[in-house]
Amino acid sequence: MKKTYRSLIDNLISENYLKTPEIIEAFKKIDRADFVLPEYKDFAYDNEPLPIGFGQTISQPSTVAFMIEKLQPKKGDKILEIGSGSGWQTAILAAITLKKNTIVALELIPEIAQLTIDNVSKYNFLKKGVVKIINANGKKGYQAEAPFDKIISGAAAFKTIPPAWREQLKIGGKIISPVDKSIFVIDKINENEFLQKEYEGFAFVPLVEG
């Protein structure tokens, strides 16, 4: 039986990766096949990471679902995305936030940044001004647009979360980021206090720091 995008979504729901109605609706609207390289189209609906060039990948769907569920984006949230990759997660977040200038996506590799632009453009989020894609070093965050309600990284920081991300996060905000083989969920309680939870057992490409 041929795999479909709907069957992938249904599996993510049945396996409890996707739970929140607004997030599920966003996943349904943004077809993963639009964000994989042509040679991998037949594998777009597999629950596996796929190469997008330059040593980077489009993440495993269950991992993207897990991270976005932990982030809990809402309409109007201003979100900094570190490592936009092929743009699938970027577009899902944009389908949730919807309002102008809510998604700032940083990508250090110029060719991958262009891939994000090409793919996200299929959904008009750039034309509508919801998404801004910037070729920049994600380790430094993006002070020009700070503070952010939420920050999410698609690549693993090596040992620790960069201090700039904590500084550029609003009080009450949330960071979701891999560190080594774990995903960390960090809530900013006040300027100096953070609540941190670790979820082990994941694999990510390393954050390209330039």
N, C-alpha and C. Protein backbone atom coordinates (compact mmCIF):
# COMPACT_ATOMS: atom_id res chain seq x y z
N MET A 1 0.83 -1.19 0.00
CA MET A 1 0.00 0.00 0.00
C MET A 1 0.88 1.26 0.00
N LYS A 2 0.61 2.18 -0.92
CA LYS A 2 1.41 3.38 -1.04
C LYS A 2 1.21 4.29 0.17
N LYS A 3 2.33 4.81 0.69
CA LYS A 3 2.25 5.71 1.83
C LYS A 3 1.74 7.08 1.38
N THR A 4 0.99 7.73 2.24
CA THR A 4 0.47 9.06 1.96
C THR A 4 0.85 9.98 3.11
N TYR A 5 0.73 11.27 2.87
CA TYR A 5 1.03 12.21 3.94
C TYR A 5 0.02 12.07 5.06
N ARG A 6 -1.23 11.82 4.70
CA ARG A 6 -2.26 11.64 5.73
C ARG A 6 -1.96 10.43 6.62
N SER A 7 -1.46 9.36 6.02
CA SER A 7 -1.13 8.18 6.82
C SER A 7 0.03 8.47 7.78
N LEU A 8 0.99 9.30 7.33
CA LEU A 8 2.08 9.70 8.21
C LEU A 8 1.53 10.49 9.40
N ILE A 9 0.66 11.45 9.12
CA ILE A 9 0.05 12.26 10.19
C ILE A 9 -0.74 11.37 11.15
N ASP A 10 -1.53 10.46 10.59
CA ASP A 10 -2.34 9.55 11.43
C ASP A 10 -1.45 8.72 12.34
N ASN A 11 -0.30 8.27 11.82
CA ASN A 11 0.62 7.48 12.63
C ASN A 11 1.22 8.33 13.76
N LEU A 12 1.56 9.58 13.45
CA LEU A 12 2.12 10.47 14.48
C LEU A 12 1.09 10.74 15.58
N ILE A 13 -0.18 10.78 15.19
CA ILE A 13 -1.24 10.97 16.18
C ILE A 13 -1.43 9.71 17.02
N SER A 14 -1.50 8.57 16.35
CA SER A 14 -1.75 7.31 17.06
C SER A 14 -0.60 6.93 17.99
N GLU A 15 0.62 7.36 17.63
CA GLU A 15 1.79 7.08 18.47
C GLU A 15 2.04 8.19 19.50
N ASN A 16 1.09 9.13 19.57
CA ASN A 16 1.09 10.17 20.61
C ASN A 16 2.19 11.22 20.45
N TYR A 17 2.74 11.34 19.24
CA TYR A 17 3.68 12.44 18.98
C TYR A 17 2.93 13.74 18.74
N LEU A 18 1.82 13.66 18.03
CA LEU A 18 0.97 14.82 17.78
C LEU A 18 -0.26 14.75 18.66
N LYS A 19 -0.54 15.84 19.40
CA LYS A 19 -1.65 15.84 20.35
C LYS A 19 -2.52 17.09 20.25
N THR A 20 -1.91 18.23 20.00
CA THR A 20 -2.61 19.52 20.07
C THR A 20 -3.33 19.81 18.76
N PRO A 21 -4.65 20.09 18.79
CA PRO A 21 -5.41 20.29 17.56
C PRO A 21 -4.81 21.31 16.60
N GLU A 22 -4.35 22.46 17.11
CA GLU A 22 -3.80 23.49 16.24
C GLU A 22 -2.51 23.02 15.56
N ILE A 23 -1.72 22.25 16.28
CA ILE A 23 -0.47 21.73 15.71
C ILE A 23 -0.78 20.65 14.68
N ILE A 24 -1.73 19.80 14.97
CA ILE A 24 -2.14 18.76 14.01
C ILE A 24 -2.63 19.40 12.72
N GLU A 25 -3.44 20.44 12.82
CA GLU A 25 -3.96 21.12 11.62
C GLU A 25 -2.83 21.73 10.80
N ALA A 26 -1.84 22.29 11.47
CA ALA A 26 -0.70 22.87 10.76
C ALA A 26 0.09 21.79 10.03
N PHE A 27 0.31 20.66 10.68
CA PHE A 27 1.00 19.55 10.03
C PHE A 27 0.24 19.10 8.78
N LYS A 28 -1.06 19.02 8.88
CA LYS A 28 -1.87 18.58 7.73
C LYS A 28 -1.74 19.52 6.54
N LYS A 29 -1.56 20.81 6.82
CA LYS A 29 -1.51 21.81 5.74
C LYS A 29 -0.17 21.85 5.02
N ILE A 30 0.90 21.39 5.68
CA ILE A 30 2.26 21.57 5.15
C ILE A 30 2.84 20.20 4.78
N ASP A 31 2.75 19.86 3.52
CA ASP A 31 3.13 18.52 3.02
C ASP A 31 4.65 18.35 3.01
N ARG A 32 5.14 17.35 3.72
CA ARG A 32 6.59 17.13 3.80
C ARG A 32 7.23 16.91 2.44
N ALA A 33 6.48 16.36 1.49
CA ALA A 33 7.02 16.10 0.15
C ALA A 33 7.48 17.39 -0.54
N ASP A 34 6.93 18.52 -0.15
CA ASP A 34 7.34 19.80 -0.73
C ASP A 34 8.68 20.29 -0.20
N PHE A 35 9.27 19.56 0.76
CA PHE A 35 10.48 20.03 1.43
C PHE A 35 11.64 19.04 1.35
N VAL A 36 11.47 17.95 0.59
CA VAL A 36 12.56 16.99 0.41
C VAL A 36 13.14 17.17 -0.99
N LEU A 37 14.38 16.74 -1.18
CA LEU A 37 15.01 16.82 -2.50
C LEU A 37 14.31 15.85 -3.46
N PRO A 38 14.30 16.18 -4.76
CA PRO A 38 13.58 15.34 -5.75
C PRO A 38 13.94 13.87 -5.68
N GLU A 39 15.21 13.56 -5.44
CA GLU A 39 15.64 12.16 -5.41
C GLU A 39 15.13 11.39 -4.20
N TYR A 40 14.55 12.10 -3.23
CA TYR A 40 14.03 11.44 -2.03
C TYR A 40 12.51 11.53 -1.91
N LYS A 41 11.85 11.95 -2.98
CA LYS A 41 10.38 12.11 -2.93
C LYS A 41 9.67 10.82 -2.51
N ASP A 42 10.19 9.68 -2.95
CA ASP A 42 9.54 8.41 -2.61
C ASP A 42 9.63 8.08 -1.13
N PHE A 43 10.49 8.78 -0.41
CA PHE A 43 10.67 8.51 1.01
C PHE A 43 10.11 9.64 1.89
N ALA A 44 9.42 10.59 1.28
CA ALA A 44 8.96 11.79 2.00
C ALA A 44 8.04 11.45 3.16
N TYR A 45 7.29 10.35 3.06
CA TYR A 45 6.31 10.02 4.10
C TYR A 45 6.80 8.92 5.05
N ASP A 46 8.11 8.60 4.96
CA ASP A 46 8.71 7.70 5.93
C ASP A 46 9.07 8.49 7.19
N ASN A 47 9.00 7.83 8.32
CA ASN A 47 9.39 8.48 9.57
C ASN A 47 10.90 8.37 9.76
N GLU A 48 11.62 9.04 8.86
CA GLU A 48 13.08 8.99 8.86
C GLU A 48 13.63 10.36 8.45
N PRO A 49 14.83 10.73 8.96
CA PRO A 49 15.48 11.93 8.44
C PRO A 49 15.97 11.68 7.02
N LEU A 50 16.06 12.72 6.21
CA LEU A 50 16.51 12.59 4.82
C LEU A 50 17.55 13.66 4.52
N PRO A 51 18.56 13.35 3.71
CA PRO A 51 19.60 14.34 3.37
C PRO A 51 19.02 15.49 2.55
N ILE A 52 19.54 16.70 2.82
CA ILE A 52 19.18 17.87 2.00
C ILE A 52 20.43 18.56 1.46
N GLY A 53 21.59 17.89 1.60
CA GLY A 53 22.84 18.44 1.10
C GLY A 53 23.65 19.12 2.20
N PHE A 54 24.98 19.24 1.94
CA PHE A 54 25.89 19.94 2.84
C PHE A 54 25.92 19.34 4.24
N GLY A 55 25.69 18.02 4.32
CA GLY A 55 25.73 17.33 5.60
C GLY A 55 24.52 17.58 6.48
N GLN A 56 23.49 18.21 5.93
CA GLN A 56 22.29 18.54 6.69
C GLN A 56 21.14 17.59 6.34
N THR A 57 20.11 17.57 7.18
CA THR A 57 18.95 16.70 6.94
C THR A 57 17.66 17.44 7.22
N ILE A 58 16.58 16.93 6.62
CA ILE A 58 15.24 17.25 7.09
C ILE A 58 14.93 16.23 8.18
N SER A 59 14.59 16.72 9.35
CA SER A 59 14.49 15.84 10.53
C SER A 59 13.37 14.81 10.40
N GLN A 60 13.50 13.76 11.19
CA GLN A 60 12.49 12.71 11.28
C GLN A 60 11.16 13.33 11.72
N PRO A 61 10.05 13.01 11.04
CA PRO A 61 8.76 13.62 11.38
C PRO A 61 8.37 13.48 12.85
N SER A 62 8.63 12.34 13.46
CA SER A 62 8.25 12.17 14.87
C SER A 62 9.05 13.12 15.77
N THR A 63 10.29 13.41 15.39
CA THR A 63 11.11 14.34 16.17
C THR A 63 10.60 15.76 16.02
N VAL A 64 10.25 16.16 14.79
CA VAL A 64 9.69 17.49 14.55
C VAL A 64 8.39 17.65 15.33
N ALA A 65 7.54 16.62 15.30
CA ALA A 65 6.28 16.67 16.04
C ALA A 65 6.53 16.79 17.53
N PHE A 66 7.46 16.00 18.06
CA PHE A 66 7.79 16.04 19.50
C PHE A 66 8.24 17.44 19.91
N MET A 67 9.13 18.04 19.12
CA MET A 67 9.69 19.34 19.47
C MET A 67 8.64 20.45 19.38
N ILE A 68 7.82 20.42 18.34
CA ILE A 68 6.80 21.46 18.21
C ILE A 68 5.74 21.32 19.30
N GLU A 69 5.40 20.10 19.67
CA GLU A 69 4.46 19.90 20.79
C GLU A 69 5.05 20.44 22.09
N LYS A 70 6.34 20.26 22.30
CA LYS A 70 6.96 20.81 23.51
C LYS A 70 7.04 22.33 23.45
N LEU A 71 7.21 22.88 22.26
CA LEU A 71 7.27 24.34 22.08
C LEU A 71 5.91 24.99 22.32
N GLN A 72 4.84 24.32 21.93
CA GLN A 72 3.47 24.84 22.04
C GLN A 72 3.33 26.25 21.45
N PRO A 73 3.64 26.41 20.15
CA PRO A 73 3.47 27.72 19.51
C PRO A 73 2.00 28.11 19.42
N LYS A 74 1.76 29.41 19.52
CA LYS A 74 0.40 29.94 19.44
C LYS A 74 0.34 31.02 18.37
N LYS A 75 -0.87 31.32 17.93
CA LYS A 75 -1.05 32.39 16.96
C LYS A 75 -0.48 33.69 17.50
N GLY A 76 0.36 34.35 16.68
CA GLY A 76 0.95 35.62 17.07
C GLY A 76 2.26 35.51 17.82
N ASP A 77 2.67 34.31 18.23
CA ASP A 77 3.97 34.14 18.89
C ASP A 77 5.09 34.56 17.95
N LYS A 78 6.08 35.26 18.50
CA LYS A 78 7.29 35.56 17.73
C LYS A 78 8.32 34.49 18.05
N ILE A 79 8.72 33.76 17.00
CA ILE A 79 9.57 32.57 17.19
C ILE A 79 10.86 32.72 16.41
N LEU A 80 11.98 32.44 17.07
CA LEU A 80 13.28 32.36 16.42
C LEU A 80 13.58 30.89 16.14
N GLU A 81 13.81 30.57 14.88
CA GLU A 81 14.18 29.20 14.50
C GLU A 81 15.64 29.19 14.11
N ILE A 82 16.40 28.31 14.75
CA ILE A 82 17.83 28.18 14.48
C ILE A 82 18.05 26.98 13.56
N GLY A 83 18.58 27.21 12.37
CA GLY A 83 18.81 26.13 11.43
C GLY A 83 17.53 25.75 10.71
N SER A 84 17.20 26.53 9.69
CA SER A 84 15.90 26.34 9.03
C SER A 84 15.86 25.13 8.10
N GLY A 85 17.03 24.63 7.68
CA GLY A 85 17.07 23.44 6.83
C GLY A 85 16.25 23.61 5.57
N SER A 86 15.47 22.60 5.24
CA SER A 86 14.66 22.67 4.02
C SER A 86 13.38 23.45 4.20
N GLY A 87 13.07 23.87 5.44
CA GLY A 87 11.94 24.76 5.66
C GLY A 87 10.64 24.11 6.10
N TRP A 88 10.63 22.79 6.30
CA TRP A 88 9.38 22.13 6.68
C TRP A 88 8.89 22.60 8.05
N GLN A 89 9.79 22.58 9.03
CA GLN A 89 9.41 23.04 10.36
C GLN A 89 9.06 24.53 10.33
N THR A 90 9.82 25.31 9.54
CA THR A 90 9.56 26.75 9.40
C THR A 90 8.12 26.99 8.97
N ALA A 91 7.70 26.25 7.94
CA ALA A 91 6.36 26.43 7.38
C ALA A 91 5.27 25.96 8.35
N ILE A 92 5.53 24.88 9.09
CA ILE A 92 4.56 24.40 10.08
C ILE A 92 4.36 25.47 11.16
N LEU A 93 5.46 26.03 11.64
CA LEU A 93 5.36 27.09 12.65
C LEU A 93 4.60 28.30 12.11
N ALA A 94 4.88 28.66 10.86
CA ALA A 94 4.19 29.80 10.24
C ALA A 94 2.70 29.55 10.11
N ALA A 95 2.33 28.30 9.83
CA ALA A 95 0.91 27.95 9.71
C ALA A 95 0.18 28.07 11.04
N ILE A 96 0.94 28.09 12.12
CA ILE A 96 0.35 28.26 13.45
C ILE A 96 0.34 29.73 13.86
N THR A 97 1.47 30.42 13.70
CA THR A 97 1.56 31.81 14.18
C THR A 97 0.78 32.77 13.28
N LEU A 98 0.86 32.56 11.98
CA LEU A 98 0.05 33.26 10.95
C LEU A 98 0.28 34.76 10.81
N LYS A 99 0.55 35.45 11.88
CA LYS A 99 0.64 36.90 11.79
C LYS A 99 1.98 37.37 11.20
N LYS A 100 1.98 38.59 10.70
CA LYS A 100 3.15 39.15 10.04
C LYS A 100 4.34 39.23 10.99
N ASN A 101 5.52 38.92 10.44
CA ASN A 101 6.79 39.05 11.17
C ASN A 101 6.81 38.25 12.46
N THR A 102 6.32 37.00 12.41
CA THR A 102 6.32 36.16 13.61
C THR A 102 7.39 35.07 13.59
N ILE A 103 7.87 34.66 12.41
CA ILE A 103 8.90 33.62 12.33
C ILE A 103 10.18 34.22 11.76
N VAL A 104 11.25 34.18 12.56
CA VAL A 104 12.57 34.58 12.08
C VAL A 104 13.42 33.31 12.02
N ALA A 105 13.78 32.89 10.81
CA ALA A 105 14.51 31.64 10.62
C ALA A 105 15.94 31.94 10.20
N LEU A 106 16.90 31.43 10.97
CA LEU A 106 18.32 31.64 10.68
C LEU A 106 18.93 30.38 10.08
N GLU A 107 19.72 30.55 9.03
CA GLU A 107 20.42 29.43 8.40
C GLU A 107 21.79 29.91 7.95
N LEU A 108 22.85 29.27 8.44
CA LEU A 108 24.20 29.73 8.17
C LEU A 108 24.69 29.35 6.76
N ILE A 109 24.29 28.20 6.26
CA ILE A 109 24.76 27.73 4.95
C ILE A 109 23.93 28.41 3.86
N PRO A 110 24.55 29.25 3.01
CA PRO A 110 23.77 30.02 2.03
C PRO A 110 22.89 29.17 1.13
N GLU A 111 23.41 28.04 0.67
CA GLU A 111 22.63 27.20 -0.24
C GLU A 111 21.41 26.58 0.46
N ILE A 112 21.56 26.26 1.74
CA ILE A 112 20.43 25.72 2.51
C ILE A 112 19.43 26.83 2.80
N ALA A 113 19.93 28.04 3.08
CA ALA A 113 19.03 29.17 3.28
C ALA A 113 18.17 29.41 2.04
N GLN A 114 18.80 29.27 0.86
CA GLN A 114 18.04 29.44 -0.39
C GLN A 114 17.02 28.32 -0.55
N LEU A 115 17.38 27.11 -0.13
CA LEU A 115 16.44 25.98 -0.18
C LEU A 115 15.22 26.28 0.70
N THR A 116 15.46 26.82 1.89
CA THR A 116 14.35 27.22 2.77
C THR A 116 13.45 28.22 2.06
N ILE A 117 14.06 29.23 1.46
CA ILE A 117 13.30 30.27 0.77
C ILE A 117 12.46 29.66 -0.35
N ASP A 118 13.07 28.80 -1.17
CA ASP A 118 12.36 28.19 -2.30
C ASP A 118 11.17 27.36 -1.82
N ASN A 119 11.38 26.59 -0.75
CA ASN A 119 10.32 25.68 -0.29
C ASN A 119 9.21 26.41 0.46
N VAL A 120 9.59 27.32 1.35
CA VAL A 120 8.58 28.05 2.13
C VAL A 120 7.74 28.95 1.20
N SER A 121 8.35 29.39 0.10
CA SER A 121 7.63 30.22 -0.87
C SER A 121 6.44 29.49 -1.50
N LYS A 122 6.46 28.18 -1.49
CA LYS A 122 5.35 27.39 -2.04
C LYS A 122 4.06 27.62 -1.24
N TYR A 123 4.20 28.14 -0.04
CA TYR A 123 3.04 28.34 0.84
C TYR A 123 2.76 29.83 1.12
N ASN A 124 3.42 30.73 0.40
CA ASN A 124 3.15 32.17 0.47
C ASN A 124 3.47 32.83 1.81
N PHE A 125 4.17 32.13 2.69
CA PHE A 125 4.46 32.74 4.00
C PHE A 125 5.46 33.88 3.89
N LEU A 126 6.34 33.82 2.89
CA LEU A 126 7.29 34.92 2.69
C LEU A 126 6.57 36.12 2.08
N LYS A 127 5.75 35.85 1.09
CA LYS A 127 5.00 36.92 0.42
C LYS A 127 4.10 37.66 1.41
N LYS A 128 3.53 36.92 2.34
CA LYS A 128 2.63 37.52 3.34
C LYS A 128 3.38 38.17 4.50
N GLY A 129 4.70 37.98 4.55
CA GLY A 129 5.50 38.59 5.60
C GLY A 129 5.47 37.86 6.92
N VAL A 130 4.94 36.64 6.93
CA VAL A 130 4.91 35.86 8.18
C VAL A 130 6.32 35.39 8.55
N VAL A 131 7.09 34.98 7.52
CA VAL A 131 8.42 34.40 7.72
C VAL A 131 9.49 35.33 7.16
N LYS A 132 10.58 35.44 7.92
CA LYS A 132 11.79 36.11 7.45
C LYS A 132 12.93 35.11 7.56
N ILE A 133 13.63 34.86 6.44
CA ILE A 133 14.73 33.89 6.43
C ILE A 133 16.04 34.65 6.27
N ILE A 134 16.96 34.42 7.19
CA ILE A 134 18.20 35.21 7.24
C ILE A 134 19.40 34.27 7.23
N ASN A 135 20.36 34.56 6.35
CA ASN A 135 21.61 33.81 6.29
C ASN A 135 22.53 34.35 7.40
N ALA A 136 22.56 33.66 8.53
CA ALA A 136 23.30 34.17 9.70
C ALA A 136 23.69 33.02 10.63
N ASN A 137 24.61 33.32 11.53
CA ASN A 137 25.10 32.36 12.52
C ASN A 137 24.09 32.21 13.65
N GLY A 138 23.43 31.07 13.72
CA GLY A 138 22.39 30.85 14.71
C GLY A 138 22.87 30.86 16.14
N LYS A 139 24.16 30.58 16.36
CA LYS A 139 24.68 30.55 17.73
C LYS A 139 24.51 31.90 18.42
N LYS A 140 24.53 32.98 17.62
CA LYS A 140 24.42 34.32 18.18
C LYS A 140 22.97 34.78 18.36
N GLY A 141 22.01 33.92 17.95
CA GLY A 141 20.63 34.36 17.97
C GLY A 141 20.41 35.47 16.96
N TYR A 142 19.46 36.35 17.24
CA TYR A 142 19.20 37.47 16.33
C TYR A 142 18.70 38.65 17.14
N GLN A 143 19.67 39.42 17.64
CA GLN A 143 19.38 40.52 18.55
C GLN A 143 18.47 41.58 17.93
N ALA A 144 18.59 41.76 16.61
CA ALA A 144 17.82 42.80 15.92
C ALA A 144 16.31 42.62 16.06
N GLU A 145 15.86 41.37 16.26
CA GLU A 145 14.42 41.09 16.37
C GLU A 145 14.01 40.64 17.78
N ALA A 146 14.97 40.57 18.68
CA ALA A 146 14.68 40.12 20.06
C ALA A 146 13.85 41.17 20.80
N PRO A 147 13.12 40.75 21.86
CA PRO A 147 13.05 39.40 22.41
C PRO A 147 12.02 38.53 21.69
N PHE A 148 12.17 37.21 21.87
CA PHE A 148 11.29 36.23 21.24
C PHE A 148 10.44 35.52 22.29
N ASP A 149 9.23 35.15 21.88
CA ASP A 149 8.37 34.34 22.75
C ASP A 149 8.92 32.94 22.90
N LYS A 150 9.46 32.43 21.78
CA LYS A 150 9.93 31.05 21.76
C LYS A 150 11.12 30.93 20.81
N ILE A 151 12.01 29.98 21.12
CA ILE A 151 13.18 29.71 20.28
C ILE A 151 13.26 28.20 20.10
N ILE A 152 13.48 27.78 18.85
CA ILE A 152 13.60 26.34 18.56
C ILE A 152 14.78 26.12 17.63
N SER A 153 15.57 25.10 17.92
CA SER A 153 16.73 24.77 17.09
C SER A 153 16.56 23.40 16.46
N GLY A 154 16.90 23.30 15.19
CA GLY A 154 16.80 22.03 14.48
C GLY A 154 18.11 21.27 14.46
N ALA A 155 19.16 21.83 15.09
CA ALA A 155 20.47 21.17 15.12
C ALA A 155 21.00 21.19 16.55
N ALA A 156 21.91 20.26 16.81
CA ALA A 156 22.36 20.05 18.19
C ALA A 156 23.50 20.98 18.56
N ALA A 157 23.30 21.76 19.62
CA ALA A 157 24.41 22.51 20.22
C ALA A 157 25.35 21.50 20.88
N PHE A 158 26.64 21.85 20.91
CA PHE A 158 27.61 20.87 21.40
C PHE A 158 27.71 20.92 22.91
N LYS A 159 27.29 20.62 23.82
CA LYS A 159 27.49 20.73 25.27
C LYS A 159 26.48 21.65 25.95
N THR A 160 26.16 22.78 25.41
CA THR A 160 25.28 23.70 26.15
C THR A 160 24.52 24.62 25.20
N ILE A 161 23.42 25.17 25.69
CA ILE A 161 22.63 26.13 24.93
C ILE A 161 23.40 27.46 24.86
N PRO A 162 23.56 28.05 23.68
CA PRO A 162 24.26 29.34 23.59
C PRO A 162 23.61 30.40 24.48
N PRO A 163 24.41 31.16 25.24
CA PRO A 163 23.88 32.18 26.15
C PRO A 163 23.00 33.21 25.45
N ALA A 164 23.30 33.53 24.20
CA ALA A 164 22.52 34.54 23.47
C ALA A 164 21.06 34.15 23.38
N TRP A 165 20.77 32.85 23.26
CA TRP A 165 19.37 32.41 23.15
C TRP A 165 18.62 32.72 24.44
N ARG A 166 19.24 32.45 25.57
CA ARG A 166 18.60 32.72 26.87
C ARG A 166 18.35 34.23 27.03
N GLU A 167 19.34 35.02 26.60
CA GLU A 167 19.24 36.48 26.75
C GLU A 167 18.13 37.06 25.86
N GLN A 168 17.94 36.46 24.67
CA GLN A 168 16.99 37.00 23.70
C GLN A 168 15.58 36.44 23.87
N LEU A 169 15.37 35.63 24.89
CA LEU A 169 14.06 35.05 25.17
C LEU A 169 13.29 35.91 26.17
N LYS A 170 12.00 36.10 25.92
CA LYS A 170 11.16 36.84 26.86
C LYS A 170 10.99 36.06 28.16
N ILE A 171 10.75 36.76 29.25
CA ILE A 171 10.37 36.09 30.49
C ILE A 171 9.03 35.38 30.25
N GLY A 172 8.96 34.13 30.65
CA GLY A 172 7.79 33.31 30.34
C GLY A 172 7.93 32.55 29.03
N GLY A 173 9.03 32.80 28.32
CA GLY A 173 9.27 32.14 27.03
C GLY A 173 9.89 30.76 27.18
N LYS A 174 10.10 30.12 26.04
CA LYS A 174 10.53 28.72 26.04
C LYS A 174 11.54 28.48 24.92
N ILE A 175 12.57 27.70 25.24
CA ILE A 175 13.55 27.23 24.26
C ILE A 175 13.43 25.72 24.12
N ILE A 176 13.41 25.24 22.87
CA ILE A 176 13.49 23.80 22.61
C ILE A 176 14.72 23.59 21.75
N SER A 177 15.67 22.81 22.26
CA SER A 177 16.90 22.60 21.50
C SER A 177 17.56 21.27 21.83
N PRO A 178 18.10 20.61 20.80
CA PRO A 178 18.94 19.45 21.06
C PRO A 178 20.28 19.89 21.63
N VAL A 179 20.80 19.09 22.53
CA VAL A 179 22.18 19.19 22.98
C VAL A 179 22.72 17.78 22.98
N ASP A 180 23.70 17.52 22.12
CA ASP A 180 24.22 16.17 21.95
C ASP A 180 23.08 15.25 21.51
N LYS A 181 22.70 14.26 22.32
CA LYS A 181 21.65 13.31 21.92
C LYS A 181 20.38 13.46 22.74
N SER A 182 20.20 14.62 23.35
CA SER A 182 19.00 14.90 24.12
C SER A 182 18.31 16.15 23.58
N ILE A 183 17.01 16.26 23.87
CA ILE A 183 16.27 17.48 23.61
C ILE A 183 16.01 18.17 24.95
N PHE A 184 16.36 19.43 25.02
CA PHE A 184 16.16 20.21 26.24
C PHE A 184 14.99 21.17 26.06
N VAL A 185 14.15 21.23 27.07
CA VAL A 185 13.03 22.18 27.13
C VAL A 185 13.37 23.14 28.26
N ILE A 186 13.52 24.42 27.93
CA ILE A 186 13.97 25.41 28.89
C ILE A 186 12.94 26.53 28.99
N ASP A 187 12.41 26.75 30.18
CA ASP A 187 11.45 27.83 30.43
C ASP A 187 12.14 28.95 31.18
N LYS A 188 11.93 30.19 30.72
CA LYS A 188 12.54 31.36 31.37
C LYS A 188 11.60 31.90 32.44
N ILE A 189 11.97 31.70 33.69
CA ILE A 189 11.14 32.11 34.82
C ILE A 189 11.30 33.61 35.09
N ASN A 190 12.54 34.07 35.11
CA ASN A 190 12.85 35.50 35.21
C ASN A 190 14.20 35.71 34.54
N GLU A 191 14.77 36.90 34.65
CA GLU A 191 16.00 37.20 33.92
C GLU A 191 17.14 36.24 34.25
N ASN A 192 17.15 35.70 35.42
CA ASN A 192 18.28 34.87 35.85
C ASN A 192 17.92 33.43 36.18
N GLU A 193 16.64 33.08 36.08
CA GLU A 193 16.20 31.74 36.50
C GLU A 193 15.54 31.01 35.33
N PHE A 194 15.99 29.77 35.13
CA PHE A 194 15.47 28.94 34.05
C PHE A 194 15.11 27.56 34.59
N LEU A 195 13.99 27.02 34.12
CA LEU A 195 13.59 25.65 34.46
C LEU A 195 13.92 24.77 33.27
N GLN A 196 14.66 23.69 33.49
CA GLN A 196 15.16 22.87 32.39
C GLN A 196 14.76 21.41 32.54
N LYS A 197 14.28 20.82 31.44
CA LYS A 197 13.97 19.39 31.39
C LYS A 197 14.72 18.77 30.22
N GLU A 198 15.17 17.54 30.42
CA GLU A 198 15.93 16.83 29.39
C GLU A 198 15.18 15.57 28.94
N TYR A 199 15.12 15.38 27.63
CA TYR A 199 14.52 14.18 27.04
C TYR A 199 15.60 13.49 26.20
N GLU A 200 15.98 12.29 26.61
CA GLU A 200 17.10 11.60 25.97
C GLU A 200 16.66 10.74 24.80
N GLY A 201 17.65 10.31 24.00
CA GLY A 201 17.41 9.30 22.98
C GLY A 201 17.12 9.82 21.58
N PHE A 202 17.71 10.97 21.21
CA PHE A 202 17.50 11.54 19.89
C PHE A 202 18.84 11.66 19.16
N ALA A 203 18.79 11.88 17.85
CA ALA A 203 20.01 12.09 17.07
C ALA A 203 19.80 13.28 16.14
N PHE A 204 20.77 14.19 16.10
CA PHE A 204 20.69 15.40 15.28
C PHE A 204 22.02 15.68 14.62
N VAL A 205 21.97 16.40 13.50
CA VAL A 205 23.22 16.93 12.96
C VAL A 205 23.68 18.04 13.89
N PRO A 206 24.99 18.30 13.96
CA PRO A 206 25.49 19.35 14.85
C PRO A 206 25.16 20.74 14.32
N LEU A 207 25.02 21.69 15.23
CA LEU A 207 24.78 23.08 14.86
C LEU A 207 26.02 23.62 14.16
N VAL A 208 25.84 24.15 12.95
CA VAL A 208 26.95 24.76 12.20
C VAL A 208 27.13 26.17 12.75
N GLU A 209 28.33 26.42 13.27
CA GLU A 209 28.56 27.68 13.99
C GLU A 209 29.39 28.68 13.21
N GLY A 210 29.96 28.28 12.07
CA GLY A 210 30.70 29.23 11.24
C GLY A 210 32.04 29.61 11.82
